[in-house]
Amino acid sequence: TAPQEVPAALGQWLQEPLPSCLTA
């Protein structure tokens, strides 16, 4: 896997993901 620490500039979400801990 790639490093998970990424610059904040890469955190541009067109639509926020649904809050969940149950589904892939």
mmCIF file of all heavy atoms, coordinates in Angstrom:
data_MODEL
# 
_entry.id   MODEL 
# 
loop_
_atom_site.group_PDB 
_atom_site.id 
_atom_site.type_symbol 
_atom_site.label_atom_id 
_atom_site.label_alt_id 
_atom_site.label_comp_id 
_atom_site.label_asym_id 
_atom_site.label_entity_id 
_atom_site.label_seq_id 
_atom_site.pdbx_PDB_ins_code 
_atom_site.Cartn_x 
_atom_site.Cartn_y 
_atom_site.Cartn_z 
_atom_site.occupancy 
_atom_site.B_iso_or_equiv 
_atom_site.pdbx_formal_charge 
_atom_site.auth_seq_id 
_atom_site.auth_comp_id 
_atom_site.auth_asym_id 
_atom_site.auth_atom_id 
_atom_site.pdbx_PDB_model_num 
ATOM 1   N N   . THR A 1 1  ? 0.844   -1.183 0.000  1.00 0.00 ? 1  THR A N   1 
ATOM 2   C CA  . THR A 1 1  ? 0.000   0.000  0.000  1.00 0.00 ? 1  THR A CA  1 
ATOM 3   C C   . THR A 1 1  ? 0.880   1.234  0.000  1.00 0.00 ? 1  THR A C   1 
ATOM 4   O O   . THR A 1 1  ? 2.013   1.206  0.455  1.00 0.00 ? 1  THR A O   1 
ATOM 5   C CB  . THR A 1 1  ? -0.937  0.042  1.232  1.00 0.00 ? 1  THR A CB  1 
ATOM 6   O OG1 . THR A 1 1  ? -0.129  -0.007 2.403  1.00 0.00 ? 1  THR A OG1 1 
ATOM 7   C CG2 . THR A 1 1  ? -1.917  -1.117 1.226  1.00 0.00 ? 1  THR A CG2 1 
ATOM 8   N N   . ALA A 1 2  ? 0.365   2.306  -0.510 1.00 0.00 ? 2  ALA A N   1 
ATOM 9   C CA  . ALA A 1 2  ? 1.086   3.584  -0.535 1.00 0.00 ? 2  ALA A CA  1 
ATOM 10  C C   . ALA A 1 2  ? 1.057   4.191  0.853  1.00 0.00 ? 2  ALA A C   1 
ATOM 11  O O   . ALA A 1 2  ? 0.199   3.869  1.666  1.00 0.00 ? 2  ALA A O   1 
ATOM 12  C CB  . ALA A 1 2  ? 0.429   4.530  -1.536 1.00 0.00 ? 2  ALA A CB  1 
ATOM 13  N N   . PRO A 1 3  ? 1.989   5.090  1.135  1.00 0.00 ? 3  PRO A N   1 
ATOM 14  C CA  . PRO A 1 3  ? 1.948   5.781  2.432  1.00 0.00 ? 3  PRO A CA  1 
ATOM 15  C C   . PRO A 1 3  ? 0.596   6.465  2.625  1.00 0.00 ? 3  PRO A C   1 
ATOM 16  O O   . PRO A 1 3  ? 0.056   7.054  1.701  1.00 0.00 ? 3  PRO A O   1 
ATOM 17  C CB  . PRO A 1 3  ? 3.072   6.810  2.316  1.00 0.00 ? 3  PRO A CB  1 
ATOM 18  C CG  . PRO A 1 3  ? 3.950   6.320  1.224  1.00 0.00 ? 3  PRO A CG  1 
ATOM 19  C CD  . PRO A 1 3  ? 3.067   5.547  0.285  1.00 0.00 ? 3  PRO A CD  1 
ATOM 20  N N   . GLN A 1 4  ? 0.069   6.366  3.830  1.00 0.00 ? 4  GLN A N   1 
ATOM 21  C CA  . GLN A 1 4  ? -1.252  6.936  4.094  1.00 0.00 ? 4  GLN A CA  1 
ATOM 22  C C   . GLN A 1 4  ? -1.175  8.389  4.545  1.00 0.00 ? 4  GLN A C   1 
ATOM 23  O O   . GLN A 1 4  ? -2.178  9.075  4.576  1.00 0.00 ? 4  GLN A O   1 
ATOM 24  C CB  . GLN A 1 4  ? -1.985  6.088  5.128  1.00 0.00 ? 4  GLN A CB  1 
ATOM 25  C CG  . GLN A 1 4  ? -2.166  4.648  4.676  1.00 0.00 ? 4  GLN A CG  1 
ATOM 26  C CD  . GLN A 1 4  ? -2.729  4.527  3.273  1.00 0.00 ? 4  GLN A CD  1 
ATOM 27  O OE1 . GLN A 1 4  ? -3.767  5.114  2.962  1.00 0.00 ? 4  GLN A OE1 1 
ATOM 28  N NE2 . GLN A 1 4  ? -2.075  3.781  2.402  1.00 0.00 ? 4  GLN A NE2 1 
ATOM 29  N N   . GLU A 1 5  ? -0.011  8.849  4.914  1.00 0.00 ? 5  GLU A N   1 
ATOM 30  C CA  . GLU A 1 5  ? 0.163   10.247 5.273  1.00 0.00 ? 5  GLU A CA  1 
ATOM 31  C C   . GLU A 1 5  ? 0.231   11.051 3.984  1.00 0.00 ? 5  GLU A C   1 
ATOM 32  O O   . GLU A 1 5  ? 1.184   10.930 3.224  1.00 0.00 ? 5  GLU A O   1 
ATOM 33  C CB  . GLU A 1 5  ? 1.441   10.442 6.080  1.00 0.00 ? 5  GLU A CB  1 
ATOM 34  C CG  . GLU A 1 5  ? 1.431   9.746  7.422  1.00 0.00 ? 5  GLU A CG  1 
ATOM 35  C CD  . GLU A 1 5  ? 0.397   10.306 8.366  1.00 0.00 ? 5  GLU A CD  1 
ATOM 36  O OE1 . GLU A 1 5  ? 0.198   11.537 8.368  1.00 0.00 ? 5  GLU A OE1 1 
ATOM 37  O OE2 . GLU A 1 5  ? -0.217  9.523  9.089  1.00 0.00 ? 5  GLU A OE2 1 
ATOM 38  N N   . VAL A 1 6  ? -0.771  11.832 3.709  1.00 0.00 ? 6  VAL A N   1 
ATOM 39  C CA  . VAL A 1 6  ? -0.809  12.600 2.464  1.00 0.00 ? 6  VAL A CA  1 
ATOM 40  C C   . VAL A 1 6  ? -1.023  14.070 2.785  1.00 0.00 ? 6  VAL A C   1 
ATOM 41  O O   . VAL A 1 6  ? -1.576  14.411 3.834  1.00 0.00 ? 6  VAL A O   1 
ATOM 42  C CB  . VAL A 1 6  ? -1.923  12.097 1.511  1.00 0.00 ? 6  VAL A CB  1 
ATOM 43  C CG1 . VAL A 1 6  ? -1.679  10.657 1.105  1.00 0.00 ? 6  VAL A CG1 1 
ATOM 44  C CG2 . VAL A 1 6  ? -3.294  12.253 2.126  1.00 0.00 ? 6  VAL A CG2 1 
ATOM 45  N N   . PRO A 1 7  ? -0.586  14.969 1.905  1.00 0.00 ? 7  PRO A N   1 
ATOM 46  C CA  . PRO A 1 7  ? -0.804  16.407 2.148  1.00 0.00 ? 7  PRO A CA  1 
ATOM 47  C C   . PRO A 1 7  ? -2.295  16.734 2.227  1.00 0.00 ? 7  PRO A C   1 
ATOM 48  O O   . PRO A 1 7  ? -3.118  16.100 1.556  1.00 0.00 ? 7  PRO A O   1 
ATOM 49  C CB  . PRO A 1 7  ? -0.177  17.066 0.923  1.00 0.00 ? 7  PRO A CB  1 
ATOM 50  C CG  . PRO A 1 7  ? 0.708   16.047 0.313  1.00 0.00 ? 7  PRO A CG  1 
ATOM 51  C CD  . PRO A 1 7  ? 0.135   14.712 0.672  1.00 0.00 ? 7  PRO A CD  1 
ATOM 52  N N   . ALA A 1 8  ? -2.619  17.722 3.024  1.00 0.00 ? 8  ALA A N   1 
ATOM 53  C CA  . ALA A 1 8  ? -4.018  18.140 3.175  1.00 0.00 ? 8  ALA A CA  1 
ATOM 54  C C   . ALA A 1 8  ? -4.626  18.536 1.834  1.00 0.00 ? 8  ALA A C   1 
ATOM 55  O O   . ALA A 1 8  ? -5.834  18.369 1.622  1.00 0.00 ? 8  ALA A O   1 
ATOM 56  C CB  . ALA A 1 8  ? -4.119  19.291 4.164  1.00 0.00 ? 8  ALA A CB  1 
ATOM 57  N N   . ALA A 1 9  ? -3.810  19.029 0.881  1.00 0.00 ? 9  ALA A N   1 
ATOM 58  C CA  . ALA A 1 9  ? -4.316  19.437 -0.435 1.00 0.00 ? 9  ALA A CA  1 
ATOM 59  C C   . ALA A 1 9  ? -4.949  18.275 -1.193 1.00 0.00 ? 9  ALA A C   1 
ATOM 60  O O   . ALA A 1 9  ? -5.746  18.480 -2.100 1.00 0.00 ? 9  ALA A O   1 
ATOM 61  C CB  . ALA A 1 9  ? -3.189  20.041 -1.271 1.00 0.00 ? 9  ALA A CB  1 
ATOM 62  N N   . LEU A 1 10 ? -4.599  17.049 -0.814 1.00 0.00 ? 10 LEU A N   1 
ATOM 63  C CA  . LEU A 1 10 ? -5.185  15.893 -1.486 1.00 0.00 ? 10 LEU A CA  1 
ATOM 64  C C   . LEU A 1 10 ? -6.537  15.503 -0.898 1.00 0.00 ? 10 LEU A C   1 
ATOM 65  O O   . LEU A 1 10 ? -7.183  14.598 -1.396 1.00 0.00 ? 10 LEU A O   1 
ATOM 66  C CB  . LEU A 1 10 ? -4.235  14.689 -1.413 1.00 0.00 ? 10 LEU A CB  1 
ATOM 67  C CG  . LEU A 1 10 ? -2.876  14.883 -2.066 1.00 0.00 ? 10 LEU A CG  1 
ATOM 68  C CD1 . LEU A 1 10 ? -2.094  13.584 -2.036 1.00 0.00 ? 10 LEU A CD1 1 
ATOM 69  C CD2 . LEU A 1 10 ? -2.997  15.394 -3.481 1.00 0.00 ? 10 LEU A CD2 1 
ATOM 70  N N   . GLY A 1 11 ? -6.965  16.185 0.125  1.00 0.00 ? 11 GLY A N   1 
ATOM 71  C CA  . GLY A 1 11 ? -8.222  15.875 0.777  1.00 0.00 ? 11 GLY A CA  1 
ATOM 72  C C   . GLY A 1 11 ? -9.403  16.619 0.185  1.00 0.00 ? 11 GLY A C   1 
ATOM 73  O O   . GLY A 1 11 ? -10.270 17.083 0.914  1.00 0.00 ? 11 GLY A O   1 
ATOM 74  N N   . GLN A 1 12 ? -9.455  16.740 -1.111 1.00 0.00 ? 12 GLN A N   1 
ATOM 75  C CA  . GLN A 1 12 ? -10.540 17.474 -1.771 1.00 0.00 ? 12 GLN A CA  1 
ATOM 76  C C   . GLN A 1 12 ? -11.621 16.477 -2.193 1.00 0.00 ? 12 GLN A C   1 
ATOM 77  O O   . GLN A 1 12 ? -11.472 15.760 -3.169 1.00 0.00 ? 12 GLN A O   1 
ATOM 78  C CB  . GLN A 1 12 ? -9.990  18.207 -2.995 1.00 0.00 ? 12 GLN A CB  1 
ATOM 79  C CG  . GLN A 1 12 ? -11.035 19.068 -3.680 1.00 0.00 ? 12 GLN A CG  1 
ATOM 80  C CD  . GLN A 1 12 ? -10.399 19.992 -4.687 1.00 0.00 ? 12 GLN A CD  1 
ATOM 81  O OE1 . GLN A 1 12 ? -9.362  20.602 -4.421 1.00 0.00 ? 12 GLN A OE1 1 
ATOM 82  N NE2 . GLN A 1 12 ? -11.003 20.107 -5.846 1.00 0.00 ? 12 GLN A NE2 1 
ATOM 83  N N   . TRP A 1 13 ? -12.703 16.453 -1.440 1.00 0.00 ? 13 TRP A N   1 
ATOM 84  C CA  . TRP A 1 13 ? -13.806 15.541 -1.714 1.00 0.00 ? 13 TRP A CA  1 
ATOM 85  C C   . TRP A 1 13 ? -14.928 16.328 -2.385 1.00 0.00 ? 13 TRP A C   1 
ATOM 86  O O   . TRP A 1 13 ? -15.371 17.348 -1.866 1.00 0.00 ? 13 TRP A O   1 
ATOM 87  C CB  . TRP A 1 13 ? -14.296 14.890 -0.425 1.00 0.00 ? 13 TRP A CB  1 
ATOM 88  C CG  . TRP A 1 13 ? -13.325 13.856 0.053  1.00 0.00 ? 13 TRP A CG  1 
ATOM 89  C CD1 . TRP A 1 13 ? -12.162 14.082 0.725  1.00 0.00 ? 13 TRP A CD1 1 
ATOM 90  C CD2 . TRP A 1 13 ? -13.410 12.453 -0.159 1.00 0.00 ? 13 TRP A CD2 1 
ATOM 91  N NE1 . TRP A 1 13 ? -11.521 12.892 0.950  1.00 0.00 ? 13 TRP A NE1 1 
ATOM 92  C CE2 . TRP A 1 13 ? -12.265 11.886 0.417  1.00 0.00 ? 13 TRP A CE2 1 
ATOM 93  C CE3 . TRP A 1 13 ? -14.350 11.629 -0.784 1.00 0.00 ? 13 TRP A CE3 1 
ATOM 94  C CZ2 . TRP A 1 13 ? -12.030 10.512 0.393  1.00 0.00 ? 13 TRP A CZ2 1 
ATOM 95  C CZ3 . TRP A 1 13 ? -14.112 10.265 -0.803 1.00 0.00 ? 13 TRP A CZ3 1 
ATOM 96  C CH2 . TRP A 1 13 ? -12.966 9.715  -0.229 1.00 0.00 ? 13 TRP A CH2 1 
ATOM 97  N N   . LEU A 1 14 ? -15.369 15.843 -3.525 1.00 0.00 ? 14 LEU A N   1 
ATOM 98  C CA  . LEU A 1 14 ? -16.490 16.472 -4.220 1.00 0.00 ? 14 LEU A CA  1 
ATOM 99  C C   . LEU A 1 14 ? -17.751 16.297 -3.385 1.00 0.00 ? 14 LEU A C   1 
ATOM 100 O O   . LEU A 1 14 ? -18.607 17.168 -3.316 1.00 0.00 ? 14 LEU A O   1 
ATOM 101 C CB  . LEU A 1 14 ? -16.662 15.835 -5.601 1.00 0.00 ? 14 LEU A CB  1 
ATOM 102 C CG  . LEU A 1 14 ? -17.690 16.488 -6.489 1.00 0.00 ? 14 LEU A CG  1 
ATOM 103 C CD1 . LEU A 1 14 ? -17.234 17.883 -6.891 1.00 0.00 ? 14 LEU A CD1 1 
ATOM 104 C CD2 . LEU A 1 14 ? -17.950 15.651 -7.726 1.00 0.00 ? 14 LEU A CD2 1 
ATOM 105 N N   . GLN A 1 15 ? -17.823 15.157 -2.755 1.00 0.00 ? 15 GLN A N   1 
ATOM 106 C CA  . GLN A 1 15 ? -18.958 14.823 -1.903 1.00 0.00 ? 15 GLN A CA  1 
ATOM 107 C C   . GLN A 1 15 ? -18.392 14.012 -0.744 1.00 0.00 ? 15 GLN A C   1 
ATOM 108 O O   . GLN A 1 15 ? -17.671 13.045 -0.959 1.00 0.00 ? 15 GLN A O   1 
ATOM 109 C CB  . GLN A 1 15 ? -19.952 14.000 -2.723 1.00 0.00 ? 15 GLN A CB  1 
ATOM 110 C CG  . GLN A 1 15 ? -21.167 13.553 -2.014 1.00 0.00 ? 15 GLN A CG  1 
ATOM 111 C CD  . GLN A 1 15 ? -22.066 12.756 -2.963 1.00 0.00 ? 15 GLN A CD  1 
ATOM 112 O OE1 . GLN A 1 15 ? -21.905 12.783 -4.171 1.00 0.00 ? 15 GLN A OE1 1 
ATOM 113 N NE2 . GLN A 1 15 ? -23.002 12.035 -2.404 1.00 0.00 ? 15 GLN A NE2 1 
ATOM 114 N N   . GLU A 1 16 ? -18.674 14.408 0.479  1.00 0.00 ? 16 GLU A N   1 
ATOM 115 C CA  . GLU A 1 16 ? -18.128 13.702 1.634  1.00 0.00 ? 16 GLU A CA  1 
ATOM 116 C C   . GLU A 1 16 ? -18.633 12.263 1.664  1.00 0.00 ? 16 GLU A C   1 
ATOM 117 O O   . GLU A 1 16 ? -19.802 12.004 1.379  1.00 0.00 ? 16 GLU A O   1 
ATOM 118 C CB  . GLU A 1 16 ? -18.510 14.410 2.940  1.00 0.00 ? 16 GLU A CB  1 
ATOM 119 C CG  . GLU A 1 16 ? -17.784 15.716 3.158  1.00 0.00 ? 16 GLU A CG  1 
ATOM 120 C CD  . GLU A 1 16 ? -16.281 15.540 3.373  1.00 0.00 ? 16 GLU A CD  1 
ATOM 121 O OE1 . GLU A 1 16 ? -15.842 14.505 3.928  1.00 0.00 ? 16 GLU A OE1 1 
ATOM 122 O OE2 . GLU A 1 16 ? -15.533 16.457 2.986  1.00 0.00 ? 16 GLU A OE2 1 
ATOM 123 N N   . PRO A 1 17 ? -17.751 11.309 1.999  1.00 0.00 ? 17 PRO A N   1 
ATOM 124 C CA  . PRO A 1 17 ? -18.190 9.910  2.081  1.00 0.00 ? 17 PRO A CA  1 
ATOM 125 C C   . PRO A 1 17 ? -19.159 9.714  3.244  1.00 0.00 ? 17 PRO A C   1 
ATOM 126 O O   . PRO A 1 17 ? -19.105 10.447 4.237  1.00 0.00 ? 17 PRO A O   1 
ATOM 127 C CB  . PRO A 1 17 ? -16.898 9.134  2.291  1.00 0.00 ? 17 PRO A CB  1 
ATOM 128 C CG  . PRO A 1 17 ? -15.897 10.117 2.763  1.00 0.00 ? 17 PRO A CG  1 
ATOM 129 C CD  . PRO A 1 17 ? -16.334 11.465 2.281  1.00 0.00 ? 17 PRO A CD  1 
ATOM 130 N N   . LEU A 1 18 ? -20.012 8.728  3.102  1.00 0.00 ? 18 LEU A N   1 
ATOM 131 C CA  . LEU A 1 18 ? -20.976 8.426  4.150  1.00 0.00 ? 18 LEU A CA  1 
ATOM 132 C C   . LEU A 1 18 ? -20.254 7.901  5.385  1.00 0.00 ? 18 LEU A C   1 
ATOM 133 O O   . LEU A 1 18 ? -19.320 7.110  5.263  1.00 0.00 ? 18 LEU A O   1 
ATOM 134 C CB  . LEU A 1 18 ? -21.972 7.365  3.658  1.00 0.00 ? 18 LEU A CB  1 
ATOM 135 C CG  . LEU A 1 18 ? -22.853 7.780  2.483  1.00 0.00 ? 18 LEU A CG  1 
ATOM 136 C CD1 . LEU A 1 18 ? -23.664 6.591  1.987  1.00 0.00 ? 18 LEU A CD1 1 
ATOM 137 C CD2 . LEU A 1 18 ? -23.754 8.928  2.874  1.00 0.00 ? 18 LEU A CD2 1 
ATOM 138 N N   . PRO A 1 19 ? -20.672 8.330  6.578  1.00 0.00 ? 19 PRO A N   1 
ATOM 139 C CA  . PRO A 1 19 ? -20.042 7.809  7.785  1.00 0.00 ? 19 PRO A CA  1 
ATOM 140 C C   . PRO A 1 19 ? -20.400 6.332  7.958  1.00 0.00 ? 19 PRO A C   1 
ATOM 141 O O   . PRO A 1 19 ? -21.571 5.973  7.895  1.00 0.00 ? 19 PRO A O   1 
ATOM 142 C CB  . PRO A 1 19 ? -20.625 8.663  8.910  1.00 0.00 ? 19 PRO A CB  1 
ATOM 143 C CG  . PRO A 1 19 ? -21.721 9.461  8.317  1.00 0.00 ? 19 PRO A CG  1 
ATOM 144 C CD  . PRO A 1 19 ? -21.666 9.325  6.836  1.00 0.00 ? 19 PRO A CD  1 
ATOM 145 N N   . SER A 1 20 ? -19.383 5.500  8.113  1.00 0.00 ? 20 SER A N   1 
ATOM 146 C CA  . SER A 1 20 ? -19.630 4.072  8.245  1.00 0.00 ? 20 SER A CA  1 
ATOM 147 C C   . SER A 1 20 ? -18.390 3.373  8.783  1.00 0.00 ? 20 SER A C   1 
ATOM 148 O O   . SER A 1 20 ? -17.275 3.836  8.593  1.00 0.00 ? 20 SER A O   1 
ATOM 149 C CB  . SER A 1 20 ? -19.995 3.468  6.887  1.00 0.00 ? 20 SER A CB  1 
ATOM 150 O OG  . SER A 1 20 ? -20.074 2.061  6.974  1.00 0.00 ? 20 SER A OG  1 
ATOM 151 N N   . CYS A 1 21 ? -18.609 2.253  9.453  1.00 0.00 ? 21 CYS A N   1 
ATOM 152 C CA  . CYS A 1 21 ? -17.531 1.365  9.885  1.00 0.00 ? 21 CYS A CA  1 
ATOM 153 C C   . CYS A 1 21 ? -17.899 -0.069 9.528  1.00 0.00 ? 21 CYS A C   1 
ATOM 154 O O   . CYS A 1 21 ? -17.296 -1.011 10.021 1.00 0.00 ? 21 CYS A O   1 
ATOM 155 C CB  . CYS A 1 21 ? -17.318 1.453  11.390 1.00 0.00 ? 21 CYS A CB  1 
ATOM 156 S SG  . CYS A 1 21 ? -16.800 3.066  11.995 1.00 0.00 ? 21 CYS A SG  1 
ATOM 157 N N   . LEU A 1 22 ? -18.900 -0.254 8.679  1.00 0.00 ? 22 LEU A N   1 
ATOM 158 C CA  . LEU A 1 22 ? -19.438 -1.588 8.471  1.00 0.00 ? 22 LEU A CA  1 
ATOM 159 C C   . LEU A 1 22 ? -19.301 -2.130 7.053  1.00 0.00 ? 22 LEU A C   1 
ATOM 160 O O   . LEU A 1 22 ? -19.381 -3.341 6.860  1.00 0.00 ? 22 LEU A O   1 
ATOM 161 C CB  . LEU A 1 22 ? -20.928 -1.609 8.854  1.00 0.00 ? 22 LEU A CB  1 
ATOM 162 C CG  . LEU A 1 22 ? -21.236 -1.189 10.292 1.00 0.00 ? 22 LEU A CG  1 
ATOM 163 C CD1 . LEU A 1 22 ? -22.733 -1.094 10.509 1.00 0.00 ? 22 LEU A CD1 1 
ATOM 164 C CD2 . LEU A 1 22 ? -20.613 -2.161 11.270 1.00 0.00 ? 22 LEU A CD2 1 
ATOM 165 N N   . THR A 1 23 ? -19.126 -1.262 6.067  1.00 0.00 ? 23 THR A N   1 
ATOM 166 C CA  . THR A 1 23 ? -19.093 -1.746 4.692  1.00 0.00 ? 23 THR A CA  1 
ATOM 167 C C   . THR A 1 23 ? -17.851 -1.253 3.964  1.00 0.00 ? 23 THR A C   1 
ATOM 168 O O   . THR A 1 23 ? -17.377 -0.149 4.209  1.00 0.00 ? 23 THR A O   1 
ATOM 169 C CB  . THR A 1 23 ? -20.334 -1.270 3.900  1.00 0.00 ? 23 THR A CB  1 
ATOM 170 O OG1 . THR A 1 23 ? -20.389 0.154  3.944  1.00 0.00 ? 23 THR A OG1 1 
ATOM 171 C CG2 . THR A 1 23 ? -21.618 -1.835 4.467  1.00 0.00 ? 23 THR A CG2 1 
ATOM 172 N N   . ALA A 1 24 ? -17.333 -2.098 3.088  1.00 0.00 ? 24 ALA A N   1 
ATOM 173 C CA  . ALA A 1 24 ? -16.216 -1.689 2.233  1.00 0.00 ? 24 ALA A CA  1 
ATOM 174 C C   . ALA A 1 24 ? -16.742 -0.706 1.204  1.00 0.00 ? 24 ALA A C   1 
ATOM 175 O O   . ALA A 1 24 ? -17.850 -0.868 0.687  1.00 0.00 ? 24 ALA A O   1 
ATOM 176 C CB  . ALA A 1 24 ? -15.614 -2.908 1.552  1.00 0.00 ? 24 ALA A CB  1 
# 
